[in-house]
Amino acid sequence: MLAPNDALDGLRPATIVRTLGDEGVSRLLDGMYQIAPRTTAHEHVDLSPAQMRDALDRLGFPQPRVAPPVDVDLSDFDD
């Protein structure tokens, strides 16, 4: 996320996200197969949810907003 990426003409993915916000995230995810570095299985690192939150905090990603509750009437689906 922080290193310049040749597939992005030297731009850093984090800069794209910081600049374009949700649009930047969507566009990066849509093209992830082109920009993600190839790794072998032994290089894979599993992060706990707490470690992932800490990493996102260090990168300056905002905390997710809680969606408001939605009242849905599903009575049409009753038998």
PDB file of N, CA and C in Angstrom:
ATOM      1  N   MET A   1       0.808  -1.199   0.000  1.00  0.00           N
ATOM      2  CA  MET A   1       0.000   0.000   0.000  1.00  0.00           C
ATOM      3  C   MET A   1       0.853   1.267   0.000  1.00  0.00           C
ATOM      4  N   LEU A   2       2.046   1.190   0.613  1.00  0.00           N
ATOM      5  CA  LEU A   2       2.849   2.402   0.748  1.00  0.00           C
ATOM      6  C   LEU A   2       3.944   2.533  -0.298  1.00  0.00           C
ATOM      7  N   ALA A   3       4.286   1.419  -0.946  1.00  0.00           N
ATOM      8  CA  ALA A   3       5.372   1.448  -1.920  1.00  0.00           C
ATOM      9  C   ALA A   3       4.844   1.854  -3.299  1.00  0.00           C
ATOM     10  N   PRO A   4       5.646   2.597  -4.053  1.00  0.00           N
ATOM     11  CA  PRO A   4       5.258   2.899  -5.425  1.00  0.00           C
ATOM     12  C   PRO A   4       5.045   1.603  -6.203  1.00  0.00           C
ATOM     13  N   ASN A   5       4.041   1.603  -7.058  1.00  0.00           N
ATOM     14  CA  ASN A   5       3.705   0.388  -7.803  1.00  0.00           C
ATOM     15  C   ASN A   5       3.857   0.673  -9.292  1.00  0.00           C
ATOM     16  N   ASP A   6       4.675  -0.142  -9.967  1.00  0.00           N
ATOM     17  CA  ASP A   6       4.910   0.049 -11.399  1.00  0.00           C
ATOM     18  C   ASP A   6       3.622  -0.047 -12.210  1.00  0.00           C
ATOM     19  N   ALA A   7       2.702  -0.930 -11.806  1.00  0.00           N
ATOM     20  CA  ALA A   7       1.437  -1.088 -12.530  1.00  0.00           C
ATOM     21  C   ALA A   7       0.553   0.153 -12.402  1.00  0.00           C
ATOM     22  N   LEU A   8       0.874   1.022 -11.440  1.00  0.00           N
ATOM     23  CA  LEU A   8       0.122   2.269 -11.236  1.00  0.00           C
ATOM     24  C   LEU A   8       0.953   3.477 -11.640  1.00  0.00           C
ATOM     25  N   ASP A   9       1.876   3.268 -12.572  1.00  0.00           N
ATOM     26  CA  ASP A   9       2.781   4.332 -13.026  1.00  0.00           C
ATOM     27  C   ASP A   9       3.537   4.970 -11.873  1.00  0.00           C
ATOM     28  N   GLY A  10       3.938   4.141 -10.904  1.00  0.00           N
ATOM     29  CA  GLY A  10       4.741   4.618  -9.790  1.00  0.00           C
ATOM     30  C   GLY A  10       3.958   5.223  -8.636  1.00  0.00           C
ATOM     31  N   LEU A  11       2.630   5.286  -8.756  1.00  0.00           N
ATOM     32  CA  LEU A  11       1.826   5.817  -7.654  1.00  0.00           C
ATOM     33  C   LEU A  11       1.744   4.803  -6.523  1.00  0.00           C
ATOM     34  N   ARG A  12       1.519   5.297  -5.327  1.00  0.00           N
ATOM     35  CA  ARG A  12       1.325   4.434  -4.163  1.00  0.00           C
ATOM     36  C   ARG A  12      -0.176   4.186  -3.996  1.00  0.00           C
ATOM     37  N   PRO A  13      -0.591   2.927  -3.791  1.00  0.00           N
ATOM     38  CA  PRO A  13      -2.020   2.658  -3.581  1.00  0.00           C
ATOM     39  C   PRO A  13      -2.612   3.491  -2.439  1.00  0.00           C
ATOM     40  N   ALA A  14      -1.870   3.685  -1.360  1.00  0.00           N
ATOM     41  CA  ALA A  14      -2.391   4.469  -0.239  1.00  0.00           C
ATOM     42  C   ALA A  14      -2.672   5.909  -0.652  1.00  0.00           C
ATOM     43  N   THR A  15      -1.855   6.450  -1.533  1.00  0.00           N
ATOM     44  CA  THR A  15      -2.080   7.817  -2.013  1.00  0.00           C
ATOM     45  C   THR A  15      -3.357   7.890  -2.833  1.00  0.00           C
ATOM     46  N   ILE A  16      -3.596   6.881  -3.633  1.00  0.00           N
ATOM     47  CA  ILE A  16      -4.822   6.838  -4.434  1.00  0.00           C
ATOM     48  C   ILE A  16      -6.044   6.799  -3.524  1.00  0.00           C
ATOM     49  N   VAL A  17      -5.989   5.960  -2.510  1.00  0.00           N
ATOM     50  CA  VAL A  17      -7.115   5.848  -1.571  1.00  0.00           C
ATOM     51  C   VAL A  17      -7.299   7.161  -0.821  1.00  0.00           C
ATOM     52  N   ARG A  18      -6.211   7.747  -0.370  1.00  0.00           N
ATOM     53  CA  ARG A  18      -6.297   9.004   0.390  1.00  0.00           C
ATOM     54  C   ARG A  18      -6.867  10.114  -0.483  1.00  0.00           C
ATOM     55  N   THR A  19      -6.505  10.140  -1.756  1.00  0.00           N
ATOM     56  CA  THR A  19      -6.930  11.207  -2.650  1.00  0.00           C
ATOM     57  C   THR A  19      -8.340  11.001  -3.192  1.00  0.00           C
ATOM     58  N   LEU A  20      -8.657   9.775  -3.603  1.00  0.00           N
ATOM     59  CA  LEU A  20      -9.936   9.515  -4.257  1.00  0.00           C
ATOM     60  C   LEU A  20     -10.987   8.898  -3.340  1.00  0.00           C
ATOM     61  N   GLY A  21     -10.594   8.527  -2.127  1.00  0.00           N
ATOM     62  CA  GLY A  21     -11.562   7.975  -1.180  1.00  0.00           C
ATOM     63  C   GLY A  21     -12.190   6.680  -1.663  1.00  0.00           C
ATOM     64  N   ASP A  22     -13.519   6.585  -1.552  1.00  0.00           N
ATOM     65  CA  ASP A  22     -14.234   5.364  -1.929  1.00  0.00           C
ATOM     66  C   ASP A  22     -14.004   4.988  -3.389  1.00  0.00           C
ATOM     67  N   GLU A  23     -13.951   5.979  -4.261  1.00  0.00           N
ATOM     68  CA  GLU A  23     -13.714   5.692  -5.678  1.00  0.00           C
ATOM     69  C   GLU A  23     -12.341   5.044  -5.869  1.00  0.00           C
ATOM     70  N   GLY A  24     -11.339   5.546  -5.138  1.00  0.00           N
ATOM     71  CA  GLY A  24      -9.997   4.974  -5.234  1.00  0.00           C
ATOM     72  C   GLY A  24      -9.968   3.536  -4.760  1.00  0.00           C
ATOM     73  N   VAL A  25     -10.681   3.249  -3.652  1.00  0.00           N
ATOM     74  CA  VAL A  25     -10.747   1.874  -3.144  1.00  0.00           C
ATOM     75  C   VAL A  25     -11.394   0.974  -4.183  1.00  0.00           C
ATOM     76  N   SER A  26     -12.510   1.404  -4.737  1.00  0.00           N
ATOM     77  CA  SER A  26     -13.221   0.589  -5.735  1.00  0.00           C
ATOM     78  C   SER A  26     -12.345   0.314  -6.949  1.00  0.00           C
ATOM     79  N   ARG A  27     -11.665   1.336  -7.421  1.00  0.00           N
ATOM     80  CA  ARG A  27     -10.846   1.161  -8.622  1.00  0.00           C
ATOM     81  C   ARG A  27      -9.642   0.261  -8.345  1.00  0.00           C
ATOM     82  N   LEU A  28      -9.038   0.402  -7.168  1.00  0.00           N
ATOM     83  CA  LEU A  28      -7.923  -0.479  -6.822  1.00  0.00           C
ATOM     84  C   LEU A  28      -8.384  -1.927  -6.695  1.00  0.00           C
ATOM     85  N   LEU A  29      -9.529  -2.136  -6.051  1.00  0.00           N
ATOM     86  CA  LEU A  29     -10.035  -3.498  -5.894  1.00  0.00           C
ATOM     87  C   LEU A  29     -10.383  -4.112  -7.243  1.00  0.00           C
ATOM     88  N   ASP A  30     -10.947  -3.315  -8.134  1.00  0.00           N
ATOM     89  CA  ASP A  30     -11.290  -3.821  -9.466  1.00  0.00           C
ATOM     90  C   ASP A  30     -10.056  -4.261 -10.244  1.00  0.00           C
ATOM     91  N   GLY A  31      -8.923  -3.598 -10.007  1.00  0.00           N
ATOM     92  CA  GLY A  31      -7.704  -3.946 -10.728  1.00  0.00           C
ATOM     93  C   GLY A  31      -6.667  -4.662  -9.895  1.00  0.00           C
ATOM     94  N   MET A  32      -7.059  -5.169  -8.726  1.00  0.00           N
ATOM     95  CA  MET A  32      -6.108  -5.777  -7.790  1.00  0.00           C
ATOM     96  C   MET A  32      -5.293  -6.897  -8.444  1.00  0.00           C
ATOM     97  N   TYR A  33      -5.919  -7.669  -9.297  1.00  0.00           N
ATOM     98  CA  TYR A  33      -5.198  -8.782  -9.915  1.00  0.00           C
ATOM     99  C   TYR A  33      -4.012  -8.294 -10.737  1.00  0.00           C
ATOM    100  N   GLN A  34      -4.037  -7.030 -11.173  1.00  0.00           N
ATOM    101  CA  GLN A  34      -2.940  -6.495 -11.975  1.00  0.00           C
ATOM    102  C   GLN A  34      -1.838  -5.881 -11.120  1.00  0.00           C
ATOM    103  N   ILE A  35      -2.193  -5.371  -9.928  1.00  0.00           N
ATOM    104  CA  ILE A  35      -1.205  -4.621  -9.158  1.00  0.00           C
ATOM    105  C   ILE A  35      -0.671  -5.359  -7.937  1.00  0.00           C
ATOM    106  N   ALA A  36      -1.356  -6.428  -7.517  1.00  0.00           N
ATOM    107  CA  ALA A  36      -0.921  -7.146  -6.316  1.00  0.00           C
ATOM    108  C   ALA A  36       0.385  -7.881  -6.596  1.00  0.00           C
ATOM    109  N   PRO A  37       1.343  -7.768  -5.687  1.00  0.00           N
ATOM    110  CA  PRO A  37       2.596  -8.504  -5.897  1.00  0.00           C
ATOM    111  C   PRO A  37       2.361 -10.002  -5.790  1.00  0.00           C
ATOM    112  N   ARG A  38       3.069 -10.739  -6.580  1.00  0.00           N
ATOM    113  CA  ARG A  38       2.974 -12.198  -6.533  1.00  0.00           C
ATOM    114  C   ARG A  38       3.747 -12.696  -5.323  1.00  0.00           C
ATOM    115  N   THR A  39       3.121 -13.522  -4.517  1.00  0.00           N
ATOM    116  CA  THR A  39       3.791 -14.074  -3.346  1.00  0.00           C
ATOM    117  C   THR A  39       3.602 -15.578  -3.325  1.00  0.00           C
ATOM    118  N   THR A  40       4.553 -16.245  -2.704  1.00  0.00           N
ATOM    119  CA  THR A  40       4.420 -17.680  -2.525  1.00  0.00           C
ATOM    120  C   THR A  40       3.754 -17.941  -1.187  1.00  0.00           C
ATOM    121  N   ALA A  41       3.288 -19.147  -0.992  1.00  0.00           N
ATOM    122  CA  ALA A  41       2.536 -19.486   0.214  1.00  0.00           C
ATOM    123  C   ALA A  41       3.341 -19.244   1.485  1.00  0.00           C
ATOM    124  N   HIS A  42       4.642 -19.477   1.454  1.00  0.00           N
ATOM    125  CA  HIS A  42       5.429 -19.311   2.678  1.00  0.00           C
ATOM    126  C   HIS A  42       5.612 -17.843   3.072  1.00  0.00           C
ATOM    127  N   GLU A  43       5.299 -16.897   2.162  1.00  0.00           N
ATOM    128  CA  GLU A  43       5.414 -15.484   2.484  1.00  0.00           C
ATOM    129  C   GLU A  43       4.118 -14.919   3.070  1.00  0.00           C
ATOM    130  N   HIS A  44       3.060 -15.718   3.068  1.00  0.00           N
ATOM    131  CA  HIS A  44       1.755 -15.242   3.540  1.00  0.00           C
ATOM    132  C   HIS A  44       1.785 -14.999   5.044  1.00  0.00           C
ATOM    133  N   VAL A  45       1.202 -13.902   5.468  1.00  0.00           N
ATOM    134  CA  VAL A  45       1.146 -13.565   6.883  1.00  0.00           C
ATOM    135  C   VAL A  45      -0.322 -13.387   7.270  1.00  0.00           C
ATOM    136  N   ASP A  46      -0.758 -14.141   8.252  1.00  0.00           N
ATOM    137  CA  ASP A  46      -2.109 -13.983   8.769  1.00  0.00           C
ATOM    138  C   ASP A  46      -2.092 -12.946   9.880  1.00  0.00           C
ATOM    139  N   LEU A  47      -2.984 -11.984   9.782  1.00  0.00           N
ATOM    140  CA  LEU A  47      -3.112 -10.977  10.822  1.00  0.00           C
ATOM    141  C   LEU A  47      -4.406 -11.205  11.582  1.00  0.00           C
ATOM    142  N   SER A  48      -4.351 -11.018  12.869  1.00  0.00           N
ATOM    143  CA  SER A  48      -5.569 -11.083  13.660  1.00  0.00           C
ATOM    144  C   SER A  48      -6.388  -9.831  13.360  1.00  0.00           C
ATOM    145  N   PRO A  49      -7.666  -9.827  13.682  1.00  0.00           N
ATOM    146  CA  PRO A  49      -8.462  -8.611  13.485  1.00  0.00           C
ATOM    147  C   PRO A  49      -7.854  -7.400  14.202  1.00  0.00           C
ATOM    148  N   ALA A  50      -7.316  -7.614  15.410  1.00  0.00           N
ATOM    149  CA  ALA A  50      -6.710  -6.503  16.152  1.00  0.00           C
ATOM    150  C   ALA A  50      -5.471  -5.971  15.425  1.00  0.00           C
ATOM    151  N   GLN A  51      -4.650  -6.873  14.886  1.00  0.00           N
ATOM    152  CA  GLN A  51      -3.463  -6.444  14.148  1.00  0.00           C
ATOM    153  C   GLN A  51      -3.854  -5.699  12.873  1.00  0.00           C
ATOM    154  N   MET A  52      -4.921  -6.165  12.202  1.00  0.00           N
ATOM    155  CA  MET A  52      -5.387  -5.500  11.002  1.00  0.00           C
ATOM    156  C   MET A  52      -5.891  -4.092  11.335  1.00  0.00           C
ATOM    157  N   ARG A  53      -6.649  -3.949  12.437  1.00  0.00           N
ATOM    158  CA  ARG A  53      -7.121  -2.627  12.861  1.00  0.00           C
ATOM    159  C   ARG A  53      -5.943  -1.706  13.173  1.00  0.00           C
ATOM    160  N   ASP A  54      -4.929  -2.231  13.875  1.00  0.00           N
ATOM    161  CA  ASP A  54      -3.748  -1.428  14.199  1.00  0.00           C
ATOM    162  C   ASP A  54      -3.033  -0.955  12.938  1.00  0.00           C
ATOM    163  N   ALA A  55      -2.896  -1.854  11.962  1.00  0.00           N
ATOM    164  CA  ALA A  55      -2.228  -1.502  10.713  1.00  0.00           C
ATOM    165  C   ALA A  55      -3.009  -0.416   9.978  1.00  0.00           C
ATOM    166  N   LEU A  56      -4.333  -0.554   9.907  1.00  0.00           N
ATOM    167  CA  LEU A  56      -5.150   0.458   9.241  1.00  0.00           C
ATOM    168  C   LEU A  56      -5.095   1.788   9.981  1.00  0.00           C
ATOM    169  N   ASP A  57      -5.041   1.745  11.313  1.00  0.00           N
ATOM    170  CA  ASP A  57      -4.899   2.975  12.106  1.00  0.00           C
ATOM    171  C   ASP A  57      -3.575   3.670  11.790  1.00  0.00           C
ATOM    172  N   ARG A  58      -2.482   2.893  11.714  1.00  0.00           N
ATOM    173  CA  ARG A  58      -1.168   3.470  11.411  1.00  0.00           C
ATOM    174  C   ARG A  58      -1.153   4.118  10.028  1.00  0.00           C
ATOM    175  N   LEU A  59      -1.922   3.541   9.089  1.00  0.00           N
ATOM    176  CA  LEU A  59      -1.977   4.079   7.732  1.00  0.00           C
ATOM    177  C   LEU A  59      -2.926   5.270   7.610  1.00  0.00           C
ATOM    178  N   GLY A  60      -3.650   5.554   8.679  1.00  0.00           N
ATOM    179  CA  GLY A  60      -4.544   6.699   8.654  1.00  0.00           C
ATOM    180  C   GLY A  60      -5.927   6.417   8.095  1.00  0.00           C
ATOM    181  N   PHE A  61      -6.290   5.132   7.977  1.00  0.00           N
ATOM    182  CA  PHE A  61      -7.622   4.801   7.486  1.00  0.00           C
ATOM    183  C   PHE A  61      -8.637   5.080   8.587  1.00  0.00           C
ATOM    184  N   PRO A  62      -9.746   5.737   8.248  1.00  0.00           N
ATOM    185  CA  PRO A  62     -10.742   6.048   9.286  1.00  0.00           C
ATOM    186  C   PRO A  62     -11.454   4.798   9.776  1.00  0.00           C
ATOM    187  N   GLN A  63     -11.964   4.896  10.989  1.00  0.00           N
ATOM    188  CA  GLN A  63     -12.760   3.802  11.549  1.00  0.00           C
ATOM    189  C   GLN A  63     -14.052   3.690  10.740  1.00  0.00           C
ATOM    190  N   PRO A  64     -14.567   2.479  10.551  1.00  0.00           N
ATOM    191  CA  PRO A  64     -15.820   2.335   9.797  1.00  0.00           C
ATOM    192  C   PRO A  64     -16.974   2.969  10.564  1.00  0.00           C
ATOM    193  N   ARG A  65     -17.915   3.507   9.798  1.00  0.00           N
ATOM    194  CA  ARG A  65     -19.119   4.068  10.397  1.00  0.00           C
ATOM    195  C   ARG A  65     -20.123   2.951  10.593  1.00  0.00           C
ATOM    196  N   VAL A  66     -20.890   3.038  11.656  1.00  0.00           N
ATOM    197  CA  VAL A  66     -21.929   2.050  11.929  1.00  0.00           C
ATOM    198  C   VAL A  66     -23.168   2.440  11.132  1.00  0.00           C
ATOM    199  N   ALA A  67     -23.698   1.493  10.382  1.00  0.00           N
ATOM    200  CA  ALA A  67     -24.902   1.753   9.597  1.00  0.00           C
ATOM    201  C   ALA A  67     -26.107   1.888  10.522  1.00  0.00           C
ATOM    202  N   PRO A  68     -27.002   2.796  10.189  1.00  0.00           N
ATOM    203  CA  PRO A  68     -28.190   2.930  11.028  1.00  0.00           C
ATOM    204  C   PRO A  68     -29.073   1.690  10.879  1.00  0.00           C
ATOM    205  N   PRO A  69     -29.832   1.358  11.937  1.00  0.00           N
ATOM    206  CA  PRO A  69     -30.710   0.191  11.841  1.00  0.00           C
ATOM    207  C   PRO A  69     -31.806   0.432  10.803  1.00  0.00           C
ATOM    208  N   VAL A  70     -32.198  -0.639  10.151  1.00  0.00           N
ATOM    209  CA  VAL A  70     -33.244  -0.567   9.132  1.00  0.00           C
ATOM    210  C   VAL A  70     -34.369  -1.498   9.549  1.00  0.00           C
ATOM    211  N   ASP A  71     -35.578  -0.956   9.577  1.00  0.00           N
ATOM    212  CA  ASP A  71     -36.749  -1.755   9.915  1.00  0.00           C
ATOM    213  C   ASP A  71     -37.325  -2.316   8.619  1.00  0.00           C
ATOM    214  N   VAL A  72     -37.327  -3.627   8.484  1.00  0.00           N
ATOM    215  CA  VAL A  72     -37.783  -4.270   7.257  1.00  0.00           C
ATOM    216  C   VAL A  72     -38.980  -5.149   7.566  1.00  0.00           C
ATOM    217  N   ASP A  73     -40.017  -4.999   6.760  1.00  0.00           N
ATOM    218  CA  ASP A  73     -41.219  -5.815   6.904  1.00  0.00           C
ATOM    219  C   ASP A  73     -41.096  -7.029   5.975  1.00  0.00           C
ATOM    220  N   LEU A  74     -40.938  -8.194   6.552  1.00  0.00           N
ATOM    221  CA  LEU A  74     -40.820  -9.430   5.774  1.00  0.00           C
ATOM    222  C   LEU A  74     -42.075 -10.289   5.851  1.00  0.00           C
ATOM    223  N   SER A  75     -43.195  -9.666   6.236  1.00  0.00           N
ATOM    224  CA  SER A  75     -44.423 -10.442   6.419  1.00  0.00           C
ATOM    225  C   SER A  75     -44.894 -11.086   5.117  1.00  0.00           C
ATOM    226  N   ASP A  76     -44.512 -10.547   3.972  1.00  0.00           N
ATOM    227  CA  ASP A  76     -44.896 -11.146   2.683  1.00  0.00           C
ATOM    228  C   ASP A  76     -44.298 -12.527   2.496  1.00  0.00           C
ATOM    229  N   PHE A  77     -43.254 -12.844   3.249  1.00  0.00           N
ATOM    230  CA  PHE A  77     -42.582 -14.116   3.087  1.00  0.00           C
ATOM    231  C   PHE A  77     -43.078 -15.183   4.054  1.00  0.00           C
ATOM    232  N   ASP A  78     -44.013 -14.815   4.911  1.00  0.00           N
ATOM    233  CA  ASP A  78     -44.596 -15.804   5.831  1.00  0.00           C
ATOM    234  C   ASP A  78     -45.479 -16.769   5.056  1.00  0.00           C
ATOM    235  N   ASP A  79     -45.473 -18.043   5.458  1.00  0.00           N
ATOM    236  CA  ASP A  79     -46.315 -19.046   4.788  1.00  0.00           C
ATOM    237  C   ASP A  79     -47.743 -18.958   5.206  1.00  0.00           C
TER     238      ASP A  79
END
